[in-house]
């Protein structure tokens, strides 16, 4: 049976929220942790749109905070699956802020996450391939291979650190 292919644009998800006082730190800007929760939430929706299965976050590969998001702003997150492996997928989340009184919009953050699809037994399950169409999508897909190699190297380093720390804990 041929492997299913899903267009990248068919995985796009969008979420907008208003930033309230309880969402902000002492500087009047959105808590980083609150933004991370929004990012993980919207990215998981894109991942499930691709594979039609439950997913778990394997890693938040990067979060680049570019511009503060202030109280009273609207924060909009747009996510899309940009690369797929056998059971995992990479999701890009683009975060923008909008000053609702003057309409000014700014890129506020970018994030890459990795999700793993799960079968009915909670084990990793195969995912469809994602198909890029636009030039930007093609670039994201092609560069996704390099990011996947980086994640693999980082997992090996993390395991080495964990092994080292477990030896210290044994003492």
N, C-alpha and C. Protein backbone atom coordinates (compact mmCIF):
# COMPACT_ATOMS: atom_id res chain seq x y z
N UNK A 1 0.84 -1.18 0.00
CA UNK A 1 0.00 0.00 0.00
C UNK A 1 0.89 1.25 0.00
N UNK A 2 0.53 2.24 -0.84
CA UNK A 2 1.31 3.47 -0.94
C UNK A 2 1.13 4.32 0.31
N UNK A 3 2.21 4.99 0.67
CA UNK A 3 2.15 5.86 1.84
C UNK A 3 1.33 7.11 1.52
N UNK A 4 0.47 7.50 2.44
CA UNK A 4 -0.36 8.69 2.27
C UNK A 4 0.52 9.94 2.26
N UNK A 5 0.12 10.91 1.45
CA UNK A 5 0.81 12.20 1.37
C UNK A 5 -0.20 13.30 1.66
N UNK A 6 0.18 14.25 2.53
CA UNK A 6 -0.68 15.36 2.92
C UNK A 6 0.03 16.66 2.54
N UNK A 7 -0.69 17.57 1.93
CA UNK A 7 -0.12 18.88 1.60
C UNK A 7 0.18 19.64 2.89
N UNK A 8 1.32 20.31 2.90
CA UNK A 8 1.71 21.09 4.07
C UNK A 8 0.62 22.06 4.48
N UNK A 9 0.04 22.75 3.50
CA UNK A 9 -0.96 23.77 3.82
C UNK A 9 -2.20 23.18 4.49
N UNK A 10 -2.44 21.89 4.32
CA UNK A 10 -3.58 21.25 4.96
C UNK A 10 -3.36 20.97 6.44
N UNK A 11 -2.16 21.27 6.94
CA UNK A 11 -1.87 21.09 8.37
C UNK A 11 -1.87 22.42 9.13
N UNK A 12 -2.13 23.51 8.43
CA UNK A 12 -2.08 24.83 9.07
C UNK A 12 -3.18 24.97 10.13
N UNK A 13 -2.79 25.51 11.28
CA UNK A 13 -3.73 25.83 12.36
C UNK A 13 -3.43 27.24 12.83
N UNK A 14 -4.47 27.94 13.25
CA UNK A 14 -4.32 29.33 13.71
C UNK A 14 -5.08 29.51 15.01
N UNK A 15 -4.48 30.24 15.93
CA UNK A 15 -5.10 30.55 17.23
C UNK A 15 -4.78 31.99 17.57
N UNK A 16 -5.78 32.72 18.04
CA UNK A 16 -5.57 34.10 18.48
C UNK A 16 -6.12 34.25 19.89
N UNK A 17 -5.38 34.95 20.73
CA UNK A 17 -5.82 35.21 22.10
C UNK A 17 -5.47 36.64 22.48
N UNK A 18 -6.25 37.19 23.38
CA UNK A 18 -5.98 38.50 23.93
C UNK A 18 -5.10 38.33 25.17
N UNK A 19 -4.12 39.20 25.33
CA UNK A 19 -3.21 39.12 26.49
C UNK A 19 -3.81 39.95 27.62
N UNK A 20 -4.21 39.27 28.69
CA UNK A 20 -4.80 39.90 29.86
C UNK A 20 -3.75 40.12 30.94
N UNK A 21 -4.06 40.97 31.94
CA UNK A 21 -3.08 41.24 33.01
C UNK A 21 -2.57 39.97 33.70
N UNK A 22 -3.42 38.99 33.94
CA UNK A 22 -2.98 37.77 34.62
C UNK A 22 -2.04 36.90 33.75
N UNK A 23 -1.92 37.25 32.46
CA UNK A 23 -1.03 36.51 31.54
C UNK A 23 0.37 37.12 31.49
N UNK A 24 0.58 38.21 32.25
CA UNK A 24 1.82 38.96 32.10
C UNK A 24 2.71 38.93 33.35
N UNK A 25 3.97 39.24 33.12
CA UNK A 25 4.95 39.33 34.20
C UNK A 25 4.99 40.76 34.75
N UNK A 26 5.97 41.05 35.59
CA UNK A 26 6.04 42.37 36.21
C UNK A 26 6.41 43.48 35.23
N UNK A 27 6.78 43.11 34.00
CA UNK A 27 7.10 44.10 32.97
C UNK A 27 5.93 44.35 32.03
N UNK A 28 4.79 43.68 32.32
CA UNK A 28 3.61 43.86 31.49
C UNK A 28 3.67 43.12 30.17
N UNK A 29 4.56 42.10 30.09
CA UNK A 29 4.66 41.31 28.87
C UNK A 29 4.25 39.85 29.15
N UNK A 30 3.81 39.20 28.12
CA UNK A 30 3.31 37.83 28.22
C UNK A 30 4.36 36.91 28.84
N UNK A 31 3.94 36.12 29.84
CA UNK A 31 4.83 35.11 30.42
C UNK A 31 5.33 34.17 29.32
N UNK A 32 6.63 33.88 29.35
CA UNK A 32 7.19 32.93 28.39
C UNK A 32 6.53 31.57 28.48
N UNK A 33 6.24 31.12 29.71
CA UNK A 33 5.60 29.82 29.89
C UNK A 33 4.20 29.77 29.32
N UNK A 34 3.49 30.87 29.41
CA UNK A 34 2.14 30.94 28.82
C UNK A 34 2.24 30.83 27.31
N UNK A 35 3.21 31.53 26.72
CA UNK A 35 3.40 31.44 25.28
C UNK A 35 3.80 30.02 24.87
N UNK A 36 4.67 29.39 25.67
CA UNK A 36 5.06 28.01 25.36
C UNK A 36 3.85 27.07 25.37
N UNK A 37 2.93 27.27 26.30
CA UNK A 37 1.72 26.44 26.34
C UNK A 37 0.89 26.66 25.08
N UNK A 38 0.74 27.92 24.66
CA UNK A 38 0.02 28.21 23.42
C UNK A 38 0.70 27.53 22.22
N UNK A 39 2.04 27.62 22.18
CA UNK A 39 2.81 27.04 21.07
C UNK A 39 2.61 25.53 21.02
N UNK A 40 2.74 24.86 22.16
CA UNK A 40 2.59 23.41 22.21
C UNK A 40 1.17 23.00 21.78
N UNK A 41 0.18 23.74 22.23
CA UNK A 41 -1.21 23.46 21.91
C UNK A 41 -1.47 23.54 20.40
N UNK A 42 -1.11 24.66 19.79
CA UNK A 42 -1.41 24.85 18.36
C UNK A 42 -0.58 23.90 17.51
N UNK A 43 0.66 23.63 17.91
CA UNK A 43 1.51 22.71 17.15
C UNK A 43 0.94 21.29 17.17
N UNK A 44 0.39 20.88 18.32
CA UNK A 44 -0.18 19.53 18.40
C UNK A 44 -1.40 19.39 17.49
N UNK A 45 -2.14 20.46 17.30
CA UNK A 45 -3.29 20.40 16.39
C UNK A 45 -2.81 20.18 14.96
N UNK A 46 -1.78 20.90 14.53
CA UNK A 46 -1.23 20.68 13.18
C UNK A 46 -0.72 19.25 13.02
N UNK A 47 -0.04 18.75 14.05
CA UNK A 47 0.49 17.38 13.99
C UNK A 47 -0.64 16.36 13.84
N UNK A 48 -1.72 16.54 14.61
CA UNK A 48 -2.85 15.60 14.51
C UNK A 48 -3.59 15.75 13.18
N UNK A 49 -3.61 16.96 12.63
CA UNK A 49 -4.21 17.15 11.30
C UNK A 49 -3.47 16.33 10.26
N UNK A 50 -2.17 16.22 10.42
CA UNK A 50 -1.38 15.44 9.47
C UNK A 50 -1.67 13.95 9.61
N UNK A 51 -1.56 13.44 10.81
CA UNK A 51 -1.54 11.98 10.98
C UNK A 51 -2.87 11.36 11.40
N UNK A 52 -3.82 12.19 11.84
CA UNK A 52 -5.12 11.66 12.28
C UNK A 52 -4.96 10.63 13.40
N UNK A 53 -3.99 10.89 14.27
CA UNK A 53 -3.70 10.02 15.42
C UNK A 53 -3.36 10.90 16.62
N UNK A 54 -3.43 10.35 17.82
CA UNK A 54 -2.92 11.09 18.97
C UNK A 54 -1.42 11.34 18.81
N UNK A 55 -0.95 12.44 19.36
CA UNK A 55 0.48 12.77 19.28
C UNK A 55 0.98 13.19 20.66
N UNK A 56 2.27 13.07 20.84
CA UNK A 56 2.93 13.60 22.04
C UNK A 56 4.09 14.49 21.60
N UNK A 57 4.37 15.49 22.42
CA UNK A 57 5.49 16.37 22.16
C UNK A 57 6.77 15.62 22.49
N UNK A 58 7.65 15.46 21.51
CA UNK A 58 8.94 14.81 21.75
C UNK A 58 9.98 15.84 22.17
N UNK A 59 9.90 17.03 21.58
CA UNK A 59 10.83 18.08 21.96
C UNK A 59 10.33 19.43 21.47
N UNK A 60 10.68 20.44 22.22
CA UNK A 60 10.56 21.81 21.72
C UNK A 60 11.98 22.15 21.31
N UNK A 61 12.19 22.11 20.00
CA UNK A 61 13.56 22.20 19.48
C UNK A 61 14.15 23.58 19.65
N UNK A 62 13.31 24.59 19.46
CA UNK A 62 13.79 25.95 19.63
C UNK A 62 12.61 26.87 19.84
N UNK A 63 12.85 27.92 20.59
CA UNK A 63 11.90 29.02 20.70
C UNK A 63 12.74 30.27 20.69
N UNK A 64 12.52 31.08 19.69
CA UNK A 64 13.23 32.35 19.60
C UNK A 64 12.24 33.46 19.91
N UNK A 65 12.43 34.10 21.07
CA UNK A 65 11.60 35.23 21.47
C UNK A 65 12.18 36.47 20.80
N UNK A 66 11.45 37.03 19.87
CA UNK A 66 11.98 38.12 19.04
C UNK A 66 11.55 39.49 19.57
N UNK A 67 10.30 39.61 19.99
CA UNK A 67 9.77 40.89 20.45
C UNK A 67 8.76 40.63 21.57
N UNK A 68 8.79 41.42 22.63
CA UNK A 68 7.83 41.22 23.71
C UNK A 68 6.38 41.36 23.24
N UNK A 69 5.50 40.60 23.85
CA UNK A 69 4.06 40.68 23.60
C UNK A 69 3.46 41.34 24.83
N UNK A 70 2.83 42.47 24.65
CA UNK A 70 2.38 43.29 25.77
C UNK A 70 0.92 43.05 26.15
N UNK A 71 0.63 43.35 27.41
CA UNK A 71 -0.75 43.31 27.89
C UNK A 71 -1.64 44.14 26.95
N UNK A 72 -2.78 43.58 26.58
CA UNK A 72 -3.70 44.27 25.68
C UNK A 72 -3.50 43.93 24.22
N UNK A 73 -2.35 43.34 23.90
CA UNK A 73 -2.11 42.90 22.51
C UNK A 73 -2.91 41.63 22.22
N UNK A 74 -3.13 41.40 20.95
CA UNK A 74 -3.61 40.09 20.51
C UNK A 74 -2.37 39.31 20.10
N UNK A 75 -2.32 38.04 20.46
CA UNK A 75 -1.23 37.18 20.05
C UNK A 75 -1.82 36.12 19.13
N UNK A 76 -1.23 35.98 17.95
CA UNK A 76 -1.71 35.01 16.97
C UNK A 76 -0.60 34.02 16.68
N UNK A 77 -0.96 32.74 16.74
CA UNK A 77 -0.02 31.67 16.47
C UNK A 77 -0.49 30.92 15.23
N UNK A 78 0.42 30.69 14.31
CA UNK A 78 0.11 29.90 13.12
C UNK A 78 1.11 28.76 13.06
N UNK A 79 0.60 27.53 12.94
CA UNK A 79 1.48 26.36 12.92
C UNK A 79 1.27 25.56 11.64
N UNK A 80 2.31 24.80 11.28
CA UNK A 80 2.26 23.96 10.09
C UNK A 80 3.32 22.87 10.21
N UNK A 81 2.97 21.66 9.81
CA UNK A 81 3.96 20.58 9.75
C UNK A 81 4.89 20.88 8.59
N UNK A 82 6.20 20.86 8.87
CA UNK A 82 7.19 21.23 7.85
C UNK A 82 8.07 20.08 7.37
N UNK A 83 8.07 18.98 8.13
CA UNK A 83 8.92 17.84 7.76
C UNK A 83 8.41 16.61 8.49
N UNK A 84 8.53 15.45 7.86
CA UNK A 84 8.12 14.21 8.50
C UNK A 84 9.20 13.15 8.40
N UNK A 85 9.30 12.37 9.47
CA UNK A 85 10.14 11.18 9.47
C UNK A 85 9.24 9.97 9.35
N UNK A 86 9.60 8.88 10.02
CA UNK A 86 8.77 7.68 9.98
C UNK A 86 7.58 7.77 10.94
N UNK A 87 7.87 8.16 12.19
CA UNK A 87 6.82 8.27 13.20
C UNK A 87 6.77 9.67 13.81
N UNK A 88 7.66 10.53 13.38
CA UNK A 88 7.74 11.87 13.97
C UNK A 88 7.51 12.93 12.90
N UNK A 89 7.22 14.13 13.38
CA UNK A 89 7.01 15.25 12.48
C UNK A 89 7.50 16.53 13.15
N UNK A 90 7.99 17.43 12.32
CA UNK A 90 8.44 18.73 12.79
C UNK A 90 7.34 19.75 12.50
N UNK A 91 7.08 20.62 13.46
CA UNK A 91 6.06 21.65 13.32
C UNK A 91 6.69 23.01 13.59
N UNK A 92 6.43 23.95 12.69
CA UNK A 92 6.86 25.33 12.86
C UNK A 92 5.68 26.14 13.40
N UNK A 93 5.95 26.97 14.41
CA UNK A 93 4.94 27.89 14.92
C UNK A 93 5.49 29.31 14.78
N UNK A 94 4.69 30.13 14.13
CA UNK A 94 5.01 31.56 13.93
C UNK A 94 4.08 32.35 14.84
N UNK A 95 4.65 33.21 15.68
CA UNK A 95 3.87 33.98 16.64
C UNK A 95 3.96 35.46 16.27
N UNK A 96 2.80 36.10 16.16
CA UNK A 96 2.78 37.54 15.91
C UNK A 96 1.97 38.22 17.01
N UNK A 97 2.34 39.46 17.27
CA UNK A 97 1.57 40.27 18.21
C UNK A 97 0.93 41.40 17.41
N UNK A 98 -0.23 41.84 17.91
CA UNK A 98 -0.92 42.95 17.26
C UNK A 98 -1.40 43.92 18.32
N UNK A 99 -1.00 45.16 18.18
CA UNK A 99 -1.50 46.23 19.04
C UNK A 99 -2.88 46.57 18.47
N UNK A 100 -3.91 46.21 19.18
CA UNK A 100 -5.27 46.29 18.64
C UNK A 100 -5.77 47.72 18.45
N UNK A 101 -5.19 48.69 19.15
CA UNK A 101 -5.67 50.06 19.03
C UNK A 101 -5.08 50.80 17.82
N UNK A 102 -3.88 50.39 17.39
CA UNK A 102 -3.30 51.04 16.21
C UNK A 102 -3.07 50.09 15.04
N UNK A 103 -3.32 48.78 15.25
CA UNK A 103 -3.21 47.81 14.17
C UNK A 103 -1.79 47.35 13.86
N UNK A 104 -0.80 47.83 14.59
CA UNK A 104 0.59 47.45 14.32
C UNK A 104 0.80 45.97 14.65
N UNK A 105 1.37 45.24 13.70
CA UNK A 105 1.66 43.82 13.88
C UNK A 105 3.17 43.60 13.83
N UNK A 106 3.64 42.64 14.65
CA UNK A 106 5.08 42.34 14.71
C UNK A 106 5.29 40.85 14.87
N UNK A 107 6.35 40.36 14.26
CA UNK A 107 6.78 38.99 14.52
C UNK A 107 7.31 38.95 15.94
N UNK A 108 6.75 38.07 16.78
CA UNK A 108 7.13 38.05 18.18
C UNK A 108 7.98 36.84 18.55
N UNK A 109 7.75 35.70 17.88
CA UNK A 109 8.50 34.49 18.22
C UNK A 109 8.38 33.48 17.08
N UNK A 110 9.35 32.58 17.03
CA UNK A 110 9.34 31.43 16.12
C UNK A 110 9.74 30.21 16.93
N UNK A 111 9.12 29.07 16.61
CA UNK A 111 9.44 27.86 17.35
C UNK A 111 9.33 26.64 16.44
N UNK A 112 10.23 25.69 16.63
CA UNK A 112 10.15 24.38 15.99
C UNK A 112 9.95 23.34 17.08
N UNK A 113 9.01 22.44 16.87
CA UNK A 113 8.72 21.35 17.80
C UNK A 113 8.72 20.04 17.04
N UNK A 114 8.93 18.95 17.77
CA UNK A 114 8.82 17.62 17.20
C UNK A 114 7.76 16.85 17.95
N UNK A 115 6.90 16.18 17.19
CA UNK A 115 5.85 15.34 17.74
C UNK A 115 5.99 13.93 17.22
N UNK A 116 5.54 12.97 18.02
CA UNK A 116 5.51 11.56 17.62
C UNK A 116 4.05 11.12 17.63
N UNK A 117 3.63 10.44 16.56
CA UNK A 117 2.28 9.88 16.49
C UNK A 117 2.24 8.58 17.27
N UNK A 118 1.09 8.32 17.88
CA UNK A 118 0.93 7.11 18.69
C UNK A 118 -0.20 6.23 18.15
N UNK A 119 0.01 4.91 18.25
CA UNK A 119 -1.05 3.97 17.88
C UNK A 119 -1.96 3.73 19.08
N UNK A 120 -2.90 2.80 18.94
CA UNK A 120 -3.88 2.53 20.00
C UNK A 120 -3.24 1.96 21.26
N UNK A 121 -1.99 1.48 21.17
CA UNK A 121 -1.28 0.95 22.35
C UNK A 121 -0.28 1.94 22.93
N UNK A 122 -0.31 3.18 22.41
CA UNK A 122 0.61 4.20 22.91
C UNK A 122 2.03 4.05 22.38
N UNK A 123 2.20 3.29 21.31
CA UNK A 123 3.52 3.09 20.69
C UNK A 123 3.64 3.99 19.46
N UNK A 124 4.87 4.38 19.09
CA UNK A 124 5.05 5.21 17.90
C UNK A 124 4.41 4.57 16.67
N UNK A 125 3.72 5.40 15.88
CA UNK A 125 2.99 4.94 14.70
C UNK A 125 3.47 5.70 13.46
N UNK A 126 3.44 5.05 12.30
CA UNK A 126 3.86 5.73 11.06
C UNK A 126 2.98 6.96 10.78
N UNK A 127 3.61 7.97 10.18
CA UNK A 127 2.89 9.19 9.80
C UNK A 127 2.96 9.37 8.28
N UNK A 128 1.96 10.05 7.70
CA UNK A 128 2.02 10.35 6.27
C UNK A 128 3.19 11.28 5.98
N UNK A 129 3.60 11.30 4.74
CA UNK A 129 4.61 12.27 4.30
C UNK A 129 3.92 13.59 4.07
N UNK A 130 4.62 14.68 4.31
CA UNK A 130 4.08 16.00 4.07
C UNK A 130 4.63 16.50 2.73
N UNK A 131 3.76 17.15 1.95
CA UNK A 131 4.15 17.61 0.62
C UNK A 131 4.21 19.13 0.56
N UNK A 132 5.41 19.68 0.31
CA UNK A 132 5.52 21.14 0.17
C UNK A 132 5.11 21.55 -1.24
N UNK A 133 4.51 22.75 -1.34
CA UNK A 133 4.13 23.25 -2.67
C UNK A 133 4.76 24.61 -2.98
N UNK A 134 4.65 25.58 -2.06
CA UNK A 134 5.20 26.91 -2.31
C UNK A 134 6.72 26.88 -2.14
N UNK A 135 7.37 27.94 -2.56
CA UNK A 135 8.83 28.03 -2.40
C UNK A 135 9.22 28.00 -0.92
N UNK A 136 8.47 28.73 -0.09
CA UNK A 136 8.76 28.73 1.35
C UNK A 136 8.58 27.32 1.93
N UNK A 137 7.51 26.65 1.56
CA UNK A 137 7.28 25.29 2.06
C UNK A 137 8.41 24.35 1.62
N UNK A 138 8.84 24.48 0.38
CA UNK A 138 9.93 23.63 -0.12
C UNK A 138 11.22 23.90 0.67
N UNK A 139 11.50 25.17 0.95
CA UNK A 139 12.69 25.50 1.73
C UNK A 139 12.59 24.92 3.13
N UNK A 140 11.43 25.07 3.78
CA UNK A 140 11.24 24.53 5.13
C UNK A 140 11.41 23.02 5.13
N UNK A 141 10.86 22.35 4.14
CA UNK A 141 10.95 20.89 4.05
C UNK A 141 12.41 20.45 3.85
N UNK A 142 13.09 21.08 2.90
CA UNK A 142 14.49 20.70 2.63
C UNK A 142 15.39 20.98 3.82
N UNK A 143 15.21 22.10 4.47
CA UNK A 143 16.04 22.42 5.63
C UNK A 143 15.63 21.59 6.86
N UNK A 144 14.45 21.00 6.83
CA UNK A 144 13.98 20.14 7.91
C UNK A 144 14.85 18.92 8.10
N UNK A 145 15.40 18.40 7.03
CA UNK A 145 16.29 17.24 7.11
C UNK A 145 17.50 17.54 7.99
N UNK A 146 18.08 18.72 7.81
CA UNK A 146 19.24 19.12 8.61
C UNK A 146 18.84 19.32 10.08
N UNK A 147 17.67 19.91 10.30
CA UNK A 147 17.22 20.08 11.68
C UNK A 147 16.98 18.73 12.33
N UNK A 148 16.49 17.76 11.58
CA UNK A 148 16.27 16.41 12.13
C UNK A 148 17.60 15.77 12.52
N UNK A 149 18.64 15.95 11.71
CA UNK A 149 19.96 15.42 12.04
C UNK A 149 20.50 16.08 13.31
N UNK A 150 20.27 17.38 13.44
CA UNK A 150 20.69 18.09 14.64
C UNK A 150 19.98 17.54 15.87
N UNK A 151 18.67 17.30 15.77
CA UNK A 151 17.90 16.75 16.90
C UNK A 151 18.45 15.39 17.31
N UNK A 152 18.81 14.58 16.34
CA UNK A 152 19.36 13.26 16.65
C UNK A 152 20.68 13.39 17.41
N UNK A 153 21.56 14.29 16.95
CA UNK A 153 22.82 14.52 17.66
C UNK A 153 22.57 15.03 19.07
N UNK A 154 21.61 15.93 19.22
CA UNK A 154 21.29 16.48 20.54
C UNK A 154 20.75 15.40 21.47
N UNK A 155 19.92 14.48 20.95
CA UNK A 155 19.40 13.39 21.78
C UNK A 155 20.54 12.52 22.30
N UNK A 156 21.53 12.26 21.47
CA UNK A 156 22.69 11.46 21.89
C UNK A 156 23.44 12.19 23.00
N UNK A 157 23.65 13.49 22.83
CA UNK A 157 24.34 14.28 23.86
C UNK A 157 23.55 14.30 25.15
N UNK A 158 22.23 14.43 25.05
CA UNK A 158 21.38 14.44 26.24
C UNK A 158 21.49 13.12 26.98
N UNK A 159 21.50 12.01 26.25
CA UNK A 159 21.64 10.69 26.87
C UNK A 159 22.98 10.58 27.59
N UNK A 160 24.04 11.10 26.97
CA UNK A 160 25.35 11.07 27.61
C UNK A 160 25.34 11.87 28.92
N UNK A 161 24.70 13.03 28.91
CA UNK A 161 24.61 13.84 30.13
C UNK A 161 23.81 13.09 31.19
N UNK A 162 22.69 12.48 30.80
CA UNK A 162 21.86 11.74 31.74
C UNK A 162 22.65 10.57 32.35
N UNK A 163 23.42 9.87 31.52
CA UNK A 163 24.24 8.77 32.02
C UNK A 163 25.26 9.28 33.03
N UNK A 164 25.91 10.40 32.72
CA UNK A 164 26.89 11.00 33.61
C UNK A 164 26.24 11.40 34.93
N UNK A 165 25.07 12.06 34.86
CA UNK A 165 24.39 12.50 36.07
C UNK A 165 23.93 11.33 36.91
N UNK A 166 23.53 10.24 36.29
CA UNK A 166 23.09 9.07 37.08
C UNK A 166 24.26 8.47 37.84
N UNK A 167 25.47 8.55 37.30
CA UNK A 167 26.66 8.06 38.01
C UNK A 167 26.97 8.93 39.22
N UNK A 168 26.75 10.23 39.08
CA UNK A 168 26.96 11.15 40.21
C UNK A 168 25.93 10.87 41.29
N UNK A 169 24.68 10.64 40.88
CA UNK A 169 23.61 10.38 41.83
C UNK A 169 23.82 9.08 42.61
N UNK A 170 24.52 8.13 42.01
CA UNK A 170 24.78 6.84 42.66
C UNK A 170 25.77 6.98 43.81
N UNK A 171 26.57 8.01 43.80
CA UNK A 171 27.61 8.19 44.83
C UNK A 171 27.05 8.65 46.12
